[in-house]
Amino acid sequence: MNNKNSNKITMNFPAVNHDVCTGCGNCINICPLEAMSFIDCKVVIDADQCNHCLLCAMVFPVEAIS
């Protein structure tokens, strides 16, 4: 039986925990695709631009991105 979904790879989309985000902007500055921005004083990730590299999570001082 050939299941077309058996080779599907699922990647977790980065999520910002706004309760601990300090608004430092490090994630926005390091994003190579400019997929992150501030909207209404909160970091927002553009799902169409993000390639899941997770550089943003690596530079967050309080682990606000997972």
N, C-alpha and C. Protein backbone atom coordinates (compact mmCIF):
# COMPACT_ATOMS: atom_id res chain seq x y z
N MET A 1 0.84 -1.17 0.00
CA MET A 1 0.00 0.00 0.00
C MET A 1 0.89 1.24 0.00
N ASN A 2 0.63 2.17 -0.87
CA ASN A 2 1.43 3.38 -1.01
C ASN A 2 0.71 4.55 -0.36
N ASN A 3 1.27 5.05 0.71
CA ASN A 3 0.69 6.18 1.43
C ASN A 3 1.50 7.42 1.10
N LYS A 4 0.88 8.36 0.41
CA LYS A 4 1.58 9.58 -0.01
C LYS A 4 2.04 10.43 1.16
N ASN A 5 1.40 10.31 2.30
CA ASN A 5 1.75 11.12 3.46
C ASN A 5 2.83 10.49 4.33
N SER A 6 3.29 9.30 4.00
CA SER A 6 4.25 8.62 4.86
C SER A 6 5.61 9.31 4.89
N ASN A 7 5.95 10.09 3.87
CA ASN A 7 7.23 10.79 3.82
C ASN A 7 7.10 12.26 4.18
N LYS A 8 5.97 12.66 4.68
CA LYS A 8 5.73 14.06 5.01
C LYS A 8 6.54 14.46 6.23
N ILE A 9 7.22 15.59 6.16
CA ILE A 9 8.00 16.11 7.27
C ILE A 9 7.25 17.30 7.87
N THR A 10 7.05 17.26 9.15
CA THR A 10 6.37 18.35 9.84
C THR A 10 7.40 19.16 10.62
N MET A 11 7.37 20.49 10.41
CA MET A 11 8.28 21.38 11.12
C MET A 11 7.46 22.25 12.05
N ASN A 12 7.90 22.35 13.28
CA ASN A 12 7.22 23.22 14.23
C ASN A 12 7.50 24.67 13.89
N PHE A 13 6.46 25.45 13.90
CA PHE A 13 6.59 26.88 13.63
C PHE A 13 7.01 27.57 14.92
N PRO A 14 7.98 28.46 14.87
CA PRO A 14 8.38 29.17 16.09
C PRO A 14 7.20 29.93 16.69
N ALA A 15 7.11 29.89 18.00
CA ALA A 15 6.04 30.60 18.70
C ALA A 15 6.65 31.53 19.73
N VAL A 16 6.11 32.72 19.82
CA VAL A 16 6.58 33.72 20.79
C VAL A 16 5.71 33.67 22.03
N ASN A 17 6.35 33.54 23.18
CA ASN A 17 5.64 33.62 24.45
C ASN A 17 5.69 35.08 24.89
N HIS A 18 4.61 35.79 24.66
CA HIS A 18 4.58 37.22 24.95
C HIS A 18 4.63 37.54 26.44
N ASP A 19 4.37 36.54 27.27
CA ASP A 19 4.43 36.77 28.72
C ASP A 19 5.86 36.97 29.20
N VAL A 20 6.85 36.41 28.49
CA VAL A 20 8.25 36.55 28.91
C VAL A 20 9.09 37.37 27.93
N CYS A 21 8.55 37.67 26.78
CA CYS A 21 9.29 38.47 25.78
C CYS A 21 9.58 39.86 26.37
N THR A 22 10.84 40.28 26.26
CA THR A 22 11.25 41.58 26.79
C THR A 22 11.16 42.70 25.75
N GLY A 23 10.94 42.32 24.49
CA GLY A 23 10.89 43.32 23.43
C GLY A 23 12.26 43.85 23.04
N CYS A 24 13.31 43.07 23.28
CA CYS A 24 14.68 43.51 23.00
C CYS A 24 14.97 43.68 21.51
N GLY A 25 14.25 42.94 20.66
CA GLY A 25 14.44 43.07 19.22
C GLY A 25 15.54 42.20 18.65
N ASN A 26 16.24 41.42 19.49
CA ASN A 26 17.32 40.57 18.98
C ASN A 26 16.83 39.61 17.90
N CYS A 27 15.67 39.02 18.10
CA CYS A 27 15.13 38.06 17.13
C CYS A 27 14.84 38.73 15.79
N ILE A 28 14.31 39.93 15.85
CA ILE A 28 13.99 40.67 14.63
C ILE A 28 15.27 41.02 13.88
N ASN A 29 16.29 41.43 14.61
CA ASN A 29 17.55 41.82 13.98
C ASN A 29 18.30 40.66 13.35
N ILE A 30 18.18 39.45 13.91
CA ILE A 30 18.95 38.32 13.40
C ILE A 30 18.23 37.55 12.29
N CYS A 31 16.95 37.73 12.13
CA CYS A 31 16.18 36.96 11.15
C CYS A 31 16.67 37.27 9.73
N PRO A 32 17.21 36.27 9.02
CA PRO A 32 17.76 36.51 7.69
C PRO A 32 16.69 36.78 6.64
N LEU A 33 15.45 36.45 6.93
CA LEU A 33 14.37 36.63 5.96
C LEU A 33 13.43 37.77 6.32
N GLU A 34 13.77 38.51 7.37
CA GLU A 34 12.94 39.61 7.85
C GLU A 34 11.50 39.15 8.07
N ALA A 35 11.37 37.97 8.69
CA ALA A 35 10.05 37.38 8.93
C ALA A 35 9.45 37.80 10.26
N MET A 36 10.18 38.61 11.01
CA MET A 36 9.70 39.02 12.32
C MET A 36 9.59 40.54 12.39
N SER A 37 8.59 41.01 13.13
CA SER A 37 8.41 42.45 13.29
C SER A 37 7.65 42.72 14.57
N PHE A 38 7.62 44.00 14.96
CA PHE A 38 6.81 44.43 16.09
C PHE A 38 5.47 44.92 15.56
N ILE A 39 4.40 44.39 16.10
CA ILE A 39 3.06 44.89 15.79
C ILE A 39 2.35 45.05 17.12
N ASP A 40 1.85 46.25 17.37
CA ASP A 40 1.21 46.56 18.65
C ASP A 40 2.10 46.18 19.83
N CYS A 41 3.38 46.52 19.72
CA CYS A 41 4.37 46.29 20.77
C CYS A 41 4.61 44.81 21.07
N LYS A 42 4.30 43.93 20.14
CA LYS A 42 4.55 42.50 20.31
C LYS A 42 5.29 41.97 19.09
N VAL A 43 6.17 40.99 19.32
CA VAL A 43 6.88 40.35 18.22
C VAL A 43 5.92 39.41 17.50
N VAL A 44 5.88 39.56 16.18
CA VAL A 44 5.01 38.74 15.35
C VAL A 44 5.86 38.07 14.28
N ILE A 45 5.59 36.78 14.01
CA ILE A 45 6.32 36.03 12.99
C ILE A 45 5.43 35.85 11.77
N ASP A 46 5.93 36.23 10.61
CA ASP A 46 5.21 36.07 9.35
C ASP A 46 5.42 34.64 8.86
N ALA A 47 4.38 33.84 8.93
CA ALA A 47 4.47 32.42 8.57
C ALA A 47 4.86 32.21 7.11
N ASP A 48 4.52 33.13 6.24
CA ASP A 48 4.86 33.00 4.83
C ASP A 48 6.34 33.27 4.55
N GLN A 49 6.99 34.03 5.43
CA GLN A 49 8.40 34.36 5.25
C GLN A 49 9.34 33.43 6.02
N CYS A 50 8.90 32.93 7.16
CA CYS A 50 9.74 32.14 8.06
C CYS A 50 10.14 30.81 7.42
N ASN A 51 11.43 30.46 7.53
CA ASN A 51 11.90 29.17 7.00
C ASN A 51 12.28 28.20 8.13
N HIS A 52 11.88 28.51 9.35
CA HIS A 52 12.08 27.64 10.52
C HIS A 52 13.55 27.42 10.88
N CYS A 53 14.41 28.38 10.61
CA CYS A 53 15.83 28.22 10.93
C CYS A 53 16.07 28.29 12.44
N LEU A 54 15.17 28.93 13.16
CA LEU A 54 15.21 29.09 14.63
C LEU A 54 16.38 29.92 15.14
N LEU A 55 16.98 30.74 14.29
CA LEU A 55 17.98 31.69 14.79
C LEU A 55 17.37 32.60 15.84
N CYS A 56 16.11 32.94 15.65
CA CYS A 56 15.42 33.82 16.60
C CYS A 56 15.41 33.21 18.00
N ALA A 57 15.18 31.91 18.09
CA ALA A 57 15.13 31.24 19.38
C ALA A 57 16.51 31.19 20.04
N MET A 58 17.55 31.17 19.23
CA MET A 58 18.91 31.07 19.76
C MET A 58 19.39 32.38 20.41
N VAL A 59 18.84 33.52 19.99
CA VAL A 59 19.32 34.80 20.52
C VAL A 59 18.39 35.40 21.56
N PHE A 60 17.28 34.76 21.83
CA PHE A 60 16.36 35.30 22.82
C PHE A 60 16.93 35.13 24.22
N PRO A 61 17.13 36.21 24.96
CA PRO A 61 17.76 36.13 26.27
C PRO A 61 16.90 35.42 27.33
N VAL A 62 15.61 35.35 27.12
CA VAL A 62 14.75 34.73 28.14
C VAL A 62 13.97 33.53 27.60
N GLU A 63 14.44 32.95 26.53
CA GLU A 63 13.81 31.78 25.91
C GLU A 63 12.33 31.99 25.66
N ALA A 64 11.99 33.11 25.05
CA ALA A 64 10.60 33.45 24.77
C ALA A 64 10.10 32.86 23.46
N ILE A 65 11.00 32.29 22.67
CA ILE A 65 10.59 31.64 21.42
C ILE A 65 10.89 30.16 21.53
N SER A 66 9.90 29.38 21.18
CA SER A 66 10.09 27.93 21.20
C SER A 66 9.57 27.31 19.92
